[in-house]
Amino acid sequence: STVLIMIFVPESPTWLLLKNRKDEA
């Protein structure tokens, strides 16, 4: 369940913005 679900879901846009990774967000 962990691997199958999490492989297909992107990283959190909020966390990416907190890390100043706007393009990835």
PDBML (XML) file of the C-alpha atoms, coordinates in Angstrom:
<?xml version="1.0" encoding="UTF-8" ?>
<PDBx:datablock datablockName="MODEL"
   xmlns:PDBx="http://pdbml.pdb.org/schema/pdbx-v50.xsd"
   xmlns:xsi="http://www.w3.org/2001/XMLSchema-instance"
   xsi:schemaLocation="http://pdbml.pdb.org/schema/pdbx-v50.xsd pdbx-v50.xsd">
   <PDBx:atom_siteCategory>
      <PDBx:atom_site id="1">
         <PDBx:B_iso_or_equiv>0.00</PDBx:B_iso_or_equiv>
         <PDBx:Cartn_x>0.000</PDBx:Cartn_x>
         <PDBx:Cartn_y>0.000</PDBx:Cartn_y>
         <PDBx:Cartn_z>0.000</PDBx:Cartn_z>
         <PDBx:auth_asym_id>A</PDBx:auth_asym_id>
         <PDBx:auth_atom_id>CA</PDBx:auth_atom_id>
         <PDBx:auth_comp_id>SER</PDBx:auth_comp_id>
         <PDBx:auth_seq_id>1</PDBx:auth_seq_id>
         <PDBx:group_PDB>ATOM</PDBx:group_PDB>
         <PDBx:label_alt_id xsi:nil="true" />
         <PDBx:label_asym_id>A</PDBx:label_asym_id>
         <PDBx:label_atom_id>CA</PDBx:label_atom_id>
         <PDBx:label_comp_id>SER</PDBx:label_comp_id>
         <PDBx:label_entity_id>1</PDBx:label_entity_id>
         <PDBx:label_seq_id>1</PDBx:label_seq_id>
         <PDBx:occupancy>1.00</PDBx:occupancy>
         <PDBx:pdbx_PDB_model_num>1</PDBx:pdbx_PDB_model_num>
         <PDBx:type_symbol>C</PDBx:type_symbol>
      </PDBx:atom_site>
      <PDBx:atom_site id="2">
         <PDBx:B_iso_or_equiv>0.00</PDBx:B_iso_or_equiv>
         <PDBx:Cartn_x>2.797</PDBx:Cartn_x>
         <PDBx:Cartn_y>2.433</PDBx:Cartn_y>
         <PDBx:Cartn_z>0.802</PDBx:Cartn_z>
         <PDBx:auth_asym_id>A</PDBx:auth_asym_id>
         <PDBx:auth_atom_id>CA</PDBx:auth_atom_id>
         <PDBx:auth_comp_id>THR</PDBx:auth_comp_id>
         <PDBx:auth_seq_id>2</PDBx:auth_seq_id>
         <PDBx:group_PDB>ATOM</PDBx:group_PDB>
         <PDBx:label_alt_id xsi:nil="true" />
         <PDBx:label_asym_id>A</PDBx:label_asym_id>
         <PDBx:label_atom_id>CA</PDBx:label_atom_id>
         <PDBx:label_comp_id>THR</PDBx:label_comp_id>
         <PDBx:label_entity_id>1</PDBx:label_entity_id>
         <PDBx:label_seq_id>2</PDBx:label_seq_id>
         <PDBx:occupancy>1.00</PDBx:occupancy>
         <PDBx:pdbx_PDB_model_num>1</PDBx:pdbx_PDB_model_num>
         <PDBx:type_symbol>C</PDBx:type_symbol>
      </PDBx:atom_site>
      <PDBx:atom_site id="3">
         <PDBx:B_iso_or_equiv>0.00</PDBx:B_iso_or_equiv>
         <PDBx:Cartn_x>4.793</PDBx:Cartn_x>
         <PDBx:Cartn_y>1.868</PDBx:Cartn_y>
         <PDBx:Cartn_z>-2.350</PDBx:Cartn_z>
         <PDBx:auth_asym_id>A</PDBx:auth_asym_id>
         <PDBx:auth_atom_id>CA</PDBx:auth_atom_id>
         <PDBx:auth_comp_id>VAL</PDBx:auth_comp_id>
         <PDBx:auth_seq_id>3</PDBx:auth_seq_id>
         <PDBx:group_PDB>ATOM</PDBx:group_PDB>
         <PDBx:label_alt_id xsi:nil="true" />
         <PDBx:label_asym_id>A</PDBx:label_asym_id>
         <PDBx:label_atom_id>CA</PDBx:label_atom_id>
         <PDBx:label_comp_id>VAL</PDBx:label_comp_id>
         <PDBx:label_entity_id>1</PDBx:label_entity_id>
         <PDBx:label_seq_id>3</PDBx:label_seq_id>
         <PDBx:occupancy>1.00</PDBx:occupancy>
         <PDBx:pdbx_PDB_model_num>1</PDBx:pdbx_PDB_model_num>
         <PDBx:type_symbol>C</PDBx:type_symbol>
      </PDBx:atom_site>
      <PDBx:atom_site id="4">
         <PDBx:B_iso_or_equiv>0.00</PDBx:B_iso_or_equiv>
         <PDBx:Cartn_x>1.883</PDBx:Cartn_x>
         <PDBx:Cartn_y>1.484</PDBx:Cartn_y>
         <PDBx:Cartn_z>-4.772</PDBx:Cartn_z>
         <PDBx:auth_asym_id>A</PDBx:auth_asym_id>
         <PDBx:auth_atom_id>CA</PDBx:auth_atom_id>
         <PDBx:auth_comp_id>LEU</PDBx:auth_comp_id>
         <PDBx:auth_seq_id>4</PDBx:auth_seq_id>
         <PDBx:group_PDB>ATOM</PDBx:group_PDB>
         <PDBx:label_alt_id xsi:nil="true" />
         <PDBx:label_asym_id>A</PDBx:label_asym_id>
         <PDBx:label_atom_id>CA</PDBx:label_atom_id>
         <PDBx:label_comp_id>LEU</PDBx:label_comp_id>
         <PDBx:label_entity_id>1</PDBx:label_entity_id>
         <PDBx:label_seq_id>4</PDBx:label_seq_id>
         <PDBx:occupancy>1.00</PDBx:occupancy>
         <PDBx:pdbx_PDB_model_num>1</PDBx:pdbx_PDB_model_num>
         <PDBx:type_symbol>C</PDBx:type_symbol>
      </PDBx:atom_site>
      <PDBx:atom_site id="5">
         <PDBx:B_iso_or_equiv>0.00</PDBx:B_iso_or_equiv>
         <PDBx:Cartn_x>0.093</PDBx:Cartn_x>
         <PDBx:Cartn_y>4.583</PDBx:Cartn_y>
         <PDBx:Cartn_z>-3.561</PDBx:Cartn_z>
         <PDBx:auth_asym_id>A</PDBx:auth_asym_id>
         <PDBx:auth_atom_id>CA</PDBx:auth_atom_id>
         <PDBx:auth_comp_id>ILE</PDBx:auth_comp_id>
         <PDBx:auth_seq_id>5</PDBx:auth_seq_id>
         <PDBx:group_PDB>ATOM</PDBx:group_PDB>
         <PDBx:label_alt_id xsi:nil="true" />
         <PDBx:label_asym_id>A</PDBx:label_asym_id>
         <PDBx:label_atom_id>CA</PDBx:label_atom_id>
         <PDBx:label_comp_id>ILE</PDBx:label_comp_id>
         <PDBx:label_entity_id>1</PDBx:label_entity_id>
         <PDBx:label_seq_id>5</PDBx:label_seq_id>
         <PDBx:occupancy>1.00</PDBx:occupancy>
         <PDBx:pdbx_PDB_model_num>1</PDBx:pdbx_PDB_model_num>
         <PDBx:type_symbol>C</PDBx:type_symbol>
      </PDBx:atom_site>
      <PDBx:atom_site id="6">
         <PDBx:B_iso_or_equiv>0.00</PDBx:B_iso_or_equiv>
         <PDBx:Cartn_x>3.041</PDBx:Cartn_x>
         <PDBx:Cartn_y>6.878</PDBx:Cartn_y>
         <PDBx:Cartn_z>-2.970</PDBx:Cartn_z>
         <PDBx:auth_asym_id>A</PDBx:auth_asym_id>
         <PDBx:auth_atom_id>CA</PDBx:auth_atom_id>
         <PDBx:auth_comp_id>MET</PDBx:auth_comp_id>
         <PDBx:auth_seq_id>6</PDBx:auth_seq_id>
         <PDBx:group_PDB>ATOM</PDBx:group_PDB>
         <PDBx:label_alt_id xsi:nil="true" />
         <PDBx:label_asym_id>A</PDBx:label_asym_id>
         <PDBx:label_atom_id>CA</PDBx:label_atom_id>
         <PDBx:label_comp_id>MET</PDBx:label_comp_id>
         <PDBx:label_entity_id>1</PDBx:label_entity_id>
         <PDBx:label_seq_id>6</PDBx:label_seq_id>
         <PDBx:occupancy>1.00</PDBx:occupancy>
         <PDBx:pdbx_PDB_model_num>1</PDBx:pdbx_PDB_model_num>
         <PDBx:type_symbol>C</PDBx:type_symbol>
      </PDBx:atom_site>
      <PDBx:atom_site id="7">
         <PDBx:B_iso_or_equiv>0.00</PDBx:B_iso_or_equiv>
         <PDBx:Cartn_x>4.815</PDBx:Cartn_x>
         <PDBx:Cartn_y>6.130</PDBx:Cartn_y>
         <PDBx:Cartn_z>-6.267</PDBx:Cartn_z>
         <PDBx:auth_asym_id>A</PDBx:auth_asym_id>
         <PDBx:auth_atom_id>CA</PDBx:auth_atom_id>
         <PDBx:auth_comp_id>ILE</PDBx:auth_comp_id>
         <PDBx:auth_seq_id>7</PDBx:auth_seq_id>
         <PDBx:group_PDB>ATOM</PDBx:group_PDB>
         <PDBx:label_alt_id xsi:nil="true" />
         <PDBx:label_asym_id>A</PDBx:label_asym_id>
         <PDBx:label_atom_id>CA</PDBx:label_atom_id>
         <PDBx:label_comp_id>ILE</PDBx:label_comp_id>
         <PDBx:label_entity_id>1</PDBx:label_entity_id>
         <PDBx:label_seq_id>7</PDBx:label_seq_id>
         <PDBx:occupancy>1.00</PDBx:occupancy>
         <PDBx:pdbx_PDB_model_num>1</PDBx:pdbx_PDB_model_num>
         <PDBx:type_symbol>C</PDBx:type_symbol>
      </PDBx:atom_site>
      <PDBx:atom_site id="8">
         <PDBx:B_iso_or_equiv>0.00</PDBx:B_iso_or_equiv>
         <PDBx:Cartn_x>1.948</PDBx:Cartn_x>
         <PDBx:Cartn_y>7.653</PDBx:Cartn_y>
         <PDBx:Cartn_z>-8.228</PDBx:Cartn_z>
         <PDBx:auth_asym_id>A</PDBx:auth_asym_id>
         <PDBx:auth_atom_id>CA</PDBx:auth_atom_id>
         <PDBx:auth_comp_id>PHE</PDBx:auth_comp_id>
         <PDBx:auth_seq_id>8</PDBx:auth_seq_id>
         <PDBx:group_PDB>ATOM</PDBx:group_PDB>
         <PDBx:label_alt_id xsi:nil="true" />
         <PDBx:label_asym_id>A</PDBx:label_asym_id>
         <PDBx:label_atom_id>CA</PDBx:label_atom_id>
         <PDBx:label_comp_id>PHE</PDBx:label_comp_id>
         <PDBx:label_entity_id>1</PDBx:label_entity_id>
         <PDBx:label_seq_id>8</PDBx:label_seq_id>
         <PDBx:occupancy>1.00</PDBx:occupancy>
         <PDBx:pdbx_PDB_model_num>1</PDBx:pdbx_PDB_model_num>
         <PDBx:type_symbol>C</PDBx:type_symbol>
      </PDBx:atom_site>
      <PDBx:atom_site id="9">
         <PDBx:B_iso_or_equiv>0.00</PDBx:B_iso_or_equiv>
         <PDBx:Cartn_x>1.389</PDBx:Cartn_x>
         <PDBx:Cartn_y>10.735</PDBx:Cartn_y>
         <PDBx:Cartn_z>-6.070</PDBx:Cartn_z>
         <PDBx:auth_asym_id>A</PDBx:auth_asym_id>
         <PDBx:auth_atom_id>CA</PDBx:auth_atom_id>
         <PDBx:auth_comp_id>VAL</PDBx:auth_comp_id>
         <PDBx:auth_seq_id>9</PDBx:auth_seq_id>
         <PDBx:group_PDB>ATOM</PDBx:group_PDB>
         <PDBx:label_alt_id xsi:nil="true" />
         <PDBx:label_asym_id>A</PDBx:label_asym_id>
         <PDBx:label_atom_id>CA</PDBx:label_atom_id>
         <PDBx:label_comp_id>VAL</PDBx:label_comp_id>
         <PDBx:label_entity_id>1</PDBx:label_entity_id>
         <PDBx:label_seq_id>9</PDBx:label_seq_id>
         <PDBx:occupancy>1.00</PDBx:occupancy>
         <PDBx:pdbx_PDB_model_num>1</PDBx:pdbx_PDB_model_num>
         <PDBx:type_symbol>C</PDBx:type_symbol>
      </PDBx:atom_site>
      <PDBx:atom_site id="10">
         <PDBx:B_iso_or_equiv>0.00</PDBx:B_iso_or_equiv>
         <PDBx:Cartn_x>3.576</PDBx:Cartn_x>
         <PDBx:Cartn_y>13.836</PDBx:Cartn_y>
         <PDBx:Cartn_z>-6.428</PDBx:Cartn_z>
         <PDBx:auth_asym_id>A</PDBx:auth_asym_id>
         <PDBx:auth_atom_id>CA</PDBx:auth_atom_id>
         <PDBx:auth_comp_id>PRO</PDBx:auth_comp_id>
         <PDBx:auth_seq_id>10</PDBx:auth_seq_id>
         <PDBx:group_PDB>ATOM</PDBx:group_PDB>
         <PDBx:label_alt_id xsi:nil="true" />
         <PDBx:label_asym_id>A</PDBx:label_asym_id>
         <PDBx:label_atom_id>CA</PDBx:label_atom_id>
         <PDBx:label_comp_id>PRO</PDBx:label_comp_id>
         <PDBx:label_entity_id>1</PDBx:label_entity_id>
         <PDBx:label_seq_id>10</PDBx:label_seq_id>
         <PDBx:occupancy>1.00</PDBx:occupancy>
         <PDBx:pdbx_PDB_model_num>1</PDBx:pdbx_PDB_model_num>
         <PDBx:type_symbol>C</PDBx:type_symbol>
      </PDBx:atom_site>
      <PDBx:atom_site id="11">
         <PDBx:B_iso_or_equiv>0.00</PDBx:B_iso_or_equiv>
         <PDBx:Cartn_x>5.243</PDBx:Cartn_x>
         <PDBx:Cartn_y>15.647</PDBx:Cartn_y>
         <PDBx:Cartn_z>-3.537</PDBx:Cartn_z>
         <PDBx:auth_asym_id>A</PDBx:auth_asym_id>
         <PDBx:auth_atom_id>CA</PDBx:auth_atom_id>
         <PDBx:auth_comp_id>GLU</PDBx:auth_comp_id>
         <PDBx:auth_seq_id>11</PDBx:auth_seq_id>
         <PDBx:group_PDB>ATOM</PDBx:group_PDB>
         <PDBx:label_alt_id xsi:nil="true" />
         <PDBx:label_asym_id>A</PDBx:label_asym_id>
         <PDBx:label_atom_id>CA</PDBx:label_atom_id>
         <PDBx:label_comp_id>GLU</PDBx:label_comp_id>
         <PDBx:label_entity_id>1</PDBx:label_entity_id>
         <PDBx:label_seq_id>11</PDBx:label_seq_id>
         <PDBx:occupancy>1.00</PDBx:occupancy>
         <PDBx:pdbx_PDB_model_num>1</PDBx:pdbx_PDB_model_num>
         <PDBx:type_symbol>C</PDBx:type_symbol>
      </PDBx:atom_site>
      <PDBx:atom_site id="12">
         <PDBx:B_iso_or_equiv>0.00</PDBx:B_iso_or_equiv>
         <PDBx:Cartn_x>3.153</PDBx:Cartn_x>
         <PDBx:Cartn_y>18.204</PDBx:Cartn_y>
         <PDBx:Cartn_z>-1.698</PDBx:Cartn_z>
         <PDBx:auth_asym_id>A</PDBx:auth_asym_id>
         <PDBx:auth_atom_id>CA</PDBx:auth_atom_id>
         <PDBx:auth_comp_id>SER</PDBx:auth_comp_id>
         <PDBx:auth_seq_id>12</PDBx:auth_seq_id>
         <PDBx:group_PDB>ATOM</PDBx:group_PDB>
         <PDBx:label_alt_id xsi:nil="true" />
         <PDBx:label_asym_id>A</PDBx:label_asym_id>
         <PDBx:label_atom_id>CA</PDBx:label_atom_id>
         <PDBx:label_comp_id>SER</PDBx:label_comp_id>
         <PDBx:label_entity_id>1</PDBx:label_entity_id>
         <PDBx:label_seq_id>12</PDBx:label_seq_id>
         <PDBx:occupancy>1.00</PDBx:occupancy>
         <PDBx:pdbx_PDB_model_num>1</PDBx:pdbx_PDB_model_num>
         <PDBx:type_symbol>C</PDBx:type_symbol>
      </PDBx:atom_site>
      <PDBx:atom_site id="13">
         <PDBx:B_iso_or_equiv>0.00</PDBx:B_iso_or_equiv>
         <PDBx:Cartn_x>3.082</PDBx:Cartn_x>
         <PDBx:Cartn_y>21.541</PDBx:Cartn_y>
         <PDBx:Cartn_z>-3.557</PDBx:Cartn_z>
         <PDBx:auth_asym_id>A</PDBx:auth_asym_id>
         <PDBx:auth_atom_id>CA</PDBx:auth_atom_id>
         <PDBx:auth_comp_id>PRO</PDBx:auth_comp_id>
         <PDBx:auth_seq_id>13</PDBx:auth_seq_id>
         <PDBx:group_PDB>ATOM</PDBx:group_PDB>
         <PDBx:label_alt_id xsi:nil="true" />
         <PDBx:label_asym_id>A</PDBx:label_asym_id>
         <PDBx:label_atom_id>CA</PDBx:label_atom_id>
         <PDBx:label_comp_id>PRO</PDBx:label_comp_id>
         <PDBx:label_entity_id>1</PDBx:label_entity_id>
         <PDBx:label_seq_id>13</PDBx:label_seq_id>
         <PDBx:occupancy>1.00</PDBx:occupancy>
         <PDBx:pdbx_PDB_model_num>1</PDBx:pdbx_PDB_model_num>
         <PDBx:type_symbol>C</PDBx:type_symbol>
      </PDBx:atom_site>
      <PDBx:atom_site id="14">
         <PDBx:B_iso_or_equiv>0.00</PDBx:B_iso_or_equiv>
         <PDBx:Cartn_x>2.934</PDBx:Cartn_x>
         <PDBx:Cartn_y>23.332</PDBx:Cartn_y>
         <PDBx:Cartn_z>-0.201</PDBx:Cartn_z>
         <PDBx:auth_asym_id>A</PDBx:auth_asym_id>
         <PDBx:auth_atom_id>CA</PDBx:auth_atom_id>
         <PDBx:auth_comp_id>THR</PDBx:auth_comp_id>
         <PDBx:auth_seq_id>14</PDBx:auth_seq_id>
         <PDBx:group_PDB>ATOM</PDBx:group_PDB>
         <PDBx:label_alt_id xsi:nil="true" />
         <PDBx:label_asym_id>A</PDBx:label_asym_id>
         <PDBx:label_atom_id>CA</PDBx:label_atom_id>
         <PDBx:label_comp_id>THR</PDBx:label_comp_id>
         <PDBx:label_entity_id>1</PDBx:label_entity_id>
         <PDBx:label_seq_id>14</PDBx:label_seq_id>
         <PDBx:occupancy>1.00</PDBx:occupancy>
         <PDBx:pdbx_PDB_model_num>1</PDBx:pdbx_PDB_model_num>
         <PDBx:type_symbol>C</PDBx:type_symbol>
      </PDBx:atom_site>
      <PDBx:atom_site id="15">
         <PDBx:B_iso_or_equiv>0.00</PDBx:B_iso_or_equiv>
         <PDBx:Cartn_x>6.117</PDBx:Cartn_x>
         <PDBx:Cartn_y>21.648</PDBx:Cartn_y>
         <PDBx:Cartn_z>1.039</PDBx:Cartn_z>
         <PDBx:auth_asym_id>A</PDBx:auth_asym_id>
         <PDBx:auth_atom_id>CA</PDBx:auth_atom_id>
         <PDBx:auth_comp_id>TRP</PDBx:auth_comp_id>
         <PDBx:auth_seq_id>15</PDBx:auth_seq_id>
         <PDBx:group_PDB>ATOM</PDBx:group_PDB>
         <PDBx:label_alt_id xsi:nil="true" />
         <PDBx:label_asym_id>A</PDBx:label_asym_id>
         <PDBx:label_atom_id>CA</PDBx:label_atom_id>
         <PDBx:label_comp_id>TRP</PDBx:label_comp_id>
         <PDBx:label_entity_id>1</PDBx:label_entity_id>
         <PDBx:label_seq_id>15</PDBx:label_seq_id>
         <PDBx:occupancy>1.00</PDBx:occupancy>
         <PDBx:pdbx_PDB_model_num>1</PDBx:pdbx_PDB_model_num>
         <PDBx:type_symbol>C</PDBx:type_symbol>
      </PDBx:atom_site>
      <PDBx:atom_site id="16">
         <PDBx:B_iso_or_equiv>0.00</PDBx:B_iso_or_equiv>
         <PDBx:Cartn_x>7.840</PDBx:Cartn_x>
         <PDBx:Cartn_y>22.384</PDBx:Cartn_y>
         <PDBx:Cartn_z>-2.267</PDBx:Cartn_z>
         <PDBx:auth_asym_id>A</PDBx:auth_asym_id>
         <PDBx:auth_atom_id>CA</PDBx:auth_atom_id>
         <PDBx:auth_comp_id>LEU</PDBx:auth_comp_id>
         <PDBx:auth_seq_id>16</PDBx:auth_seq_id>
         <PDBx:group_PDB>ATOM</PDBx:group_PDB>
         <PDBx:label_alt_id xsi:nil="true" />
         <PDBx:label_asym_id>A</PDBx:label_asym_id>
         <PDBx:label_atom_id>CA</PDBx:label_atom_id>
         <PDBx:label_comp_id>LEU</PDBx:label_comp_id>
         <PDBx:label_entity_id>1</PDBx:label_entity_id>
         <PDBx:label_seq_id>16</PDBx:label_seq_id>
         <PDBx:occupancy>1.00</PDBx:occupancy>
         <PDBx:pdbx_PDB_model_num>1</PDBx:pdbx_PDB_model_num>
         <PDBx:type_symbol>C</PDBx:type_symbol>
      </PDBx:atom_site>
      <PDBx:atom_site id="17">
         <PDBx:B_iso_or_equiv>0.00</PDBx:B_iso_or_equiv>
         <PDBx:Cartn_x>6.913</PDBx:Cartn_x>
         <PDBx:Cartn_y>26.065</PDBx:Cartn_y>
         <PDBx:Cartn_z>-1.929</PDBx:Cartn_z>
         <PDBx:auth_asym_id>A</PDBx:auth_asym_id>
         <PDBx:auth_atom_id>CA</PDBx:auth_atom_id>
         <PDBx:auth_comp_id>LEU</PDBx:auth_comp_id>
         <PDBx:auth_seq_id>17</PDBx:auth_seq_id>
         <PDBx:group_PDB>ATOM</PDBx:group_PDB>
         <PDBx:label_alt_id xsi:nil="true" />
         <PDBx:label_asym_id>A</PDBx:label_asym_id>
         <PDBx:label_atom_id>CA</PDBx:label_atom_id>
         <PDBx:label_comp_id>LEU</PDBx:label_comp_id>
         <PDBx:label_entity_id>1</PDBx:label_entity_id>
         <PDBx:label_seq_id>17</PDBx:label_seq_id>
         <PDBx:occupancy>1.00</PDBx:occupancy>
         <PDBx:pdbx_PDB_model_num>1</PDBx:pdbx_PDB_model_num>
         <PDBx:type_symbol>C</PDBx:type_symbol>
      </PDBx:atom_site>
      <PDBx:atom_site id="18">
         <PDBx:B_iso_or_equiv>0.00</PDBx:B_iso_or_equiv>
         <PDBx:Cartn_x>8.209</PDBx:Cartn_x>
         <PDBx:Cartn_y>26.077</PDBx:Cartn_y>
         <PDBx:Cartn_z>1.651</PDBx:Cartn_z>
         <PDBx:auth_asym_id>A</PDBx:auth_asym_id>
         <PDBx:auth_atom_id>CA</PDBx:auth_atom_id>
         <PDBx:auth_comp_id>LEU</PDBx:auth_comp_id>
         <PDBx:auth_seq_id>18</PDBx:auth_seq_id>
         <PDBx:group_PDB>ATOM</PDBx:group_PDB>
         <PDBx:label_alt_id xsi:nil="true" />
         <PDBx:label_asym_id>A</PDBx:label_asym_id>
         <PDBx:label_atom_id>CA</PDBx:label_atom_id>
         <PDBx:label_comp_id>LEU</PDBx:label_comp_id>
         <PDBx:label_entity_id>1</PDBx:label_entity_id>
         <PDBx:label_seq_id>18</PDBx:label_seq_id>
         <PDBx:occupancy>1.00</PDBx:occupancy>
         <PDBx:pdbx_PDB_model_num>1</PDBx:pdbx_PDB_model_num>
         <PDBx:type_symbol>C</PDBx:type_symbol>
      </PDBx:atom_site>
      <PDBx:atom_site id="19">
         <PDBx:B_iso_or_equiv>0.00</PDBx:B_iso_or_equiv>
         <PDBx:Cartn_x>11.527</PDBx:Cartn_x>
         <PDBx:Cartn_y>24.913</PDBx:Cartn_y>
         <PDBx:Cartn_z>0.185</PDBx:Cartn_z>
         <PDBx:auth_asym_id>A</PDBx:auth_asym_id>
         <PDBx:auth_atom_id>CA</PDBx:auth_atom_id>
         <PDBx:auth_comp_id>LYS</PDBx:auth_comp_id>
         <PDBx:auth_seq_id>19</PDBx:auth_seq_id>
         <PDBx:group_PDB>ATOM</PDBx:group_PDB>
         <PDBx:label_alt_id xsi:nil="true" />
         <PDBx:label_asym_id>A</PDBx:label_asym_id>
         <PDBx:label_atom_id>CA</PDBx:label_atom_id>
         <PDBx:label_comp_id>LYS</PDBx:label_comp_id>
         <PDBx:label_entity_id>1</PDBx:label_entity_id>
         <PDBx:label_seq_id>19</PDBx:label_seq_id>
         <PDBx:occupancy>1.00</PDBx:occupancy>
         <PDBx:pdbx_PDB_model_num>1</PDBx:pdbx_PDB_model_num>
         <PDBx:type_symbol>C</PDBx:type_symbol>
      </PDBx:atom_site>
      <PDBx:atom_site id="20">
         <PDBx:B_iso_or_equiv>0.00</PDBx:B_iso_or_equiv>
         <PDBx:Cartn_x>11.407</PDBx:Cartn_x>
         <PDBx:Cartn_y>27.617</PDBx:Cartn_y>
         <PDBx:Cartn_z>-2.551</PDBx:Cartn_z>
         <PDBx:auth_asym_id>A</PDBx:auth_asym_id>
         <PDBx:auth_atom_id>CA</PDBx:auth_atom_id>
         <PDBx:auth_comp_id>ASN</PDBx:auth_comp_id>
         <PDBx:auth_seq_id>20</PDBx:auth_seq_id>
         <PDBx:group_PDB>ATOM</PDBx:group_PDB>
         <PDBx:label_alt_id xsi:nil="true" />
         <PDBx:label_asym_id>A</PDBx:label_asym_id>
         <PDBx:label_atom_id>CA</PDBx:label_atom_id>
         <PDBx:label_comp_id>ASN</PDBx:label_comp_id>
         <PDBx:label_entity_id>1</PDBx:label_entity_id>
         <PDBx:label_seq_id>20</PDBx:label_seq_id>
         <PDBx:occupancy>1.00</PDBx:occupancy>
         <PDBx:pdbx_PDB_model_num>1</PDBx:pdbx_PDB_model_num>
         <PDBx:type_symbol>C</PDBx:type_symbol>
      </PDBx:atom_site>
      <PDBx:atom_site id="21">
         <PDBx:B_iso_or_equiv>0.00</PDBx:B_iso_or_equiv>
         <PDBx:Cartn_x>11.027</PDBx:Cartn_x>
         <PDBx:Cartn_y>25.031</PDBx:Cartn_y>
         <PDBx:Cartn_z>-5.315</PDBx:Cartn_z>
         <PDBx:auth_asym_id>A</PDBx:auth_asym_id>
         <PDBx:auth_atom_id>CA</PDBx:auth_atom_id>
         <PDBx:auth_comp_id>ARG</PDBx:auth_comp_id>
         <PDBx:auth_seq_id>21</PDBx:auth_seq_id>
         <PDBx:group_PDB>ATOM</PDBx:group_PDB>
         <PDBx:label_alt_id xsi:nil="true" />
         <PDBx:label_asym_id>A</PDBx:label_asym_id>
         <PDBx:label_atom_id>CA</PDBx:label_atom_id>
         <PDBx:label_comp_id>ARG</PDBx:label_comp_id>
         <PDBx:label_entity_id>1</PDBx:label_entity_id>
         <PDBx:label_seq_id>21</PDBx:label_seq_id>
         <PDBx:occupancy>1.00</PDBx:occupancy>
         <PDBx:pdbx_PDB_model_num>1</PDBx:pdbx_PDB_model_num>
         <PDBx:type_symbol>C</PDBx:type_symbol>
      </PDBx:atom_site>
      <PDBx:atom_site id="22">
         <PDBx:B_iso_or_equiv>0.00</PDBx:B_iso_or_equiv>
         <PDBx:Cartn_x>8.330</PDBx:Cartn_x>
         <PDBx:Cartn_y>26.909</PDBx:Cartn_y>
         <PDBx:Cartn_z>-7.242</PDBx:Cartn_z>
         <PDBx:auth_asym_id>A</PDBx:auth_asym_id>
         <PDBx:auth_atom_id>CA</PDBx:auth_atom_id>
         <PDBx:auth_comp_id>LYS</PDBx:auth_comp_id>
         <PDBx:auth_seq_id>22</PDBx:auth_seq_id>
         <PDBx:group_PDB>ATOM</PDBx:group_PDB>
         <PDBx:label_alt_id xsi:nil="true" />
         <PDBx:label_asym_id>A</PDBx:label_asym_id>
         <PDBx:label_atom_id>CA</PDBx:label_atom_id>
         <PDBx:label_comp_id>LYS</PDBx:label_comp_id>
         <PDBx:label_entity_id>1</PDBx:label_entity_id>
         <PDBx:label_seq_id>22</PDBx:label_seq_id>
         <PDBx:occupancy>1.00</PDBx:occupancy>
         <PDBx:pdbx_PDB_model_num>1</PDBx:pdbx_PDB_model_num>
         <PDBx:type_symbol>C</PDBx:type_symbol>
      </PDBx:atom_site>
      <PDBx:atom_site id="23">
         <PDBx:B_iso_or_equiv>0.00</PDBx:B_iso_or_equiv>
         <PDBx:Cartn_x>8.734</PDBx:Cartn_x>
         <PDBx:Cartn_y>25.145</PDBx:Cartn_y>
         <PDBx:Cartn_z>-10.599</PDBx:Cartn_z>
         <PDBx:auth_asym_id>A</PDBx:auth_asym_id>
         <PDBx:auth_atom_id>CA</PDBx:auth_atom_id>
         <PDBx:auth_comp_id>ASP</PDBx:auth_comp_id>
         <PDBx:auth_seq_id>23</PDBx:auth_seq_id>
         <PDBx:group_PDB>ATOM</PDBx:group_PDB>
         <PDBx:label_alt_id xsi:nil="true" />
         <PDBx:label_asym_id>A</PDBx:label_asym_id>
         <PDBx:label_atom_id>CA</PDBx:label_atom_id>
         <PDBx:label_comp_id>ASP</PDBx:label_comp_id>
         <PDBx:label_entity_id>1</PDBx:label_entity_id>
         <PDBx:label_seq_id>23</PDBx:label_seq_id>
         <PDBx:occupancy>1.00</PDBx:occupancy>
         <PDBx:pdbx_PDB_model_num>1</PDBx:pdbx_PDB_model_num>
         <PDBx:type_symbol>C</PDBx:type_symbol>
      </PDBx:atom_site>
      <PDBx:atom_site id="24">
         <PDBx:B_iso_or_equiv>0.00</PDBx:B_iso_or_equiv>
         <PDBx:Cartn_x>8.396</PDBx:Cartn_x>
         <PDBx:Cartn_y>21.717</PDBx:Cartn_y>
         <PDBx:Cartn_z>-8.971</PDBx:Cartn_z>
         <PDBx:auth_asym_id>A</PDBx:auth_asym_id>
         <PDBx:auth_atom_id>CA</PDBx:auth_atom_id>
         <PDBx:auth_comp_id>GLU</PDBx:auth_comp_id>
         <PDBx:auth_seq_id>24</PDBx:auth_seq_id>
         <PDBx:group_PDB>ATOM</PDBx:group_PDB>
         <PDBx:label_alt_id xsi:nil="true" />
         <PDBx:label_asym_id>A</PDBx:label_asym_id>
         <PDBx:label_atom_id>CA</PDBx:label_atom_id>
         <PDBx:label_comp_id>GLU</PDBx:label_comp_id>
         <PDBx:label_entity_id>1</PDBx:label_entity_id>
         <PDBx:label_seq_id>24</PDBx:label_seq_id>
         <PDBx:occupancy>1.00</PDBx:occupancy>
         <PDBx:pdbx_PDB_model_num>1</PDBx:pdbx_PDB_model_num>
         <PDBx:type_symbol>C</PDBx:type_symbol>
      </PDBx:atom_site>
      <PDBx:atom_site id="25">
         <PDBx:B_iso_or_equiv>0.00</PDBx:B_iso_or_equiv>
         <PDBx:Cartn_x>5.423</PDBx:Cartn_x>
         <PDBx:Cartn_y>22.958</PDBx:Cartn_y>
         <PDBx:Cartn_z>-6.932</PDBx:Cartn_z>
         <PDBx:auth_asym_id>A</PDBx:auth_asym_id>
         <PDBx:auth_atom_id>CA</PDBx:auth_atom_id>
         <PDBx:auth_comp_id>ALA</PDBx:auth_comp_id>
         <PDBx:auth_seq_id>25</PDBx:auth_seq_id>
         <PDBx:group_PDB>ATOM</PDBx:group_PDB>
         <PDBx:label_alt_id xsi:nil="true" />
         <PDBx:label_asym_id>A</PDBx:label_asym_id>
         <PDBx:label_atom_id>CA</PDBx:label_atom_id>
         <PDBx:label_comp_id>ALA</PDBx:label_comp_id>
         <PDBx:label_entity_id>1</PDBx:label_entity_id>
         <PDBx:label_seq_id>25</PDBx:label_seq_id>
         <PDBx:occupancy>1.00</PDBx:occupancy>
         <PDBx:pdbx_PDB_model_num>1</PDBx:pdbx_PDB_model_num>
         <PDBx:type_symbol>C</PDBx:type_symbol>
      </PDBx:atom_site>
   </PDBx:atom_siteCategory>
</PDBx:datablock>
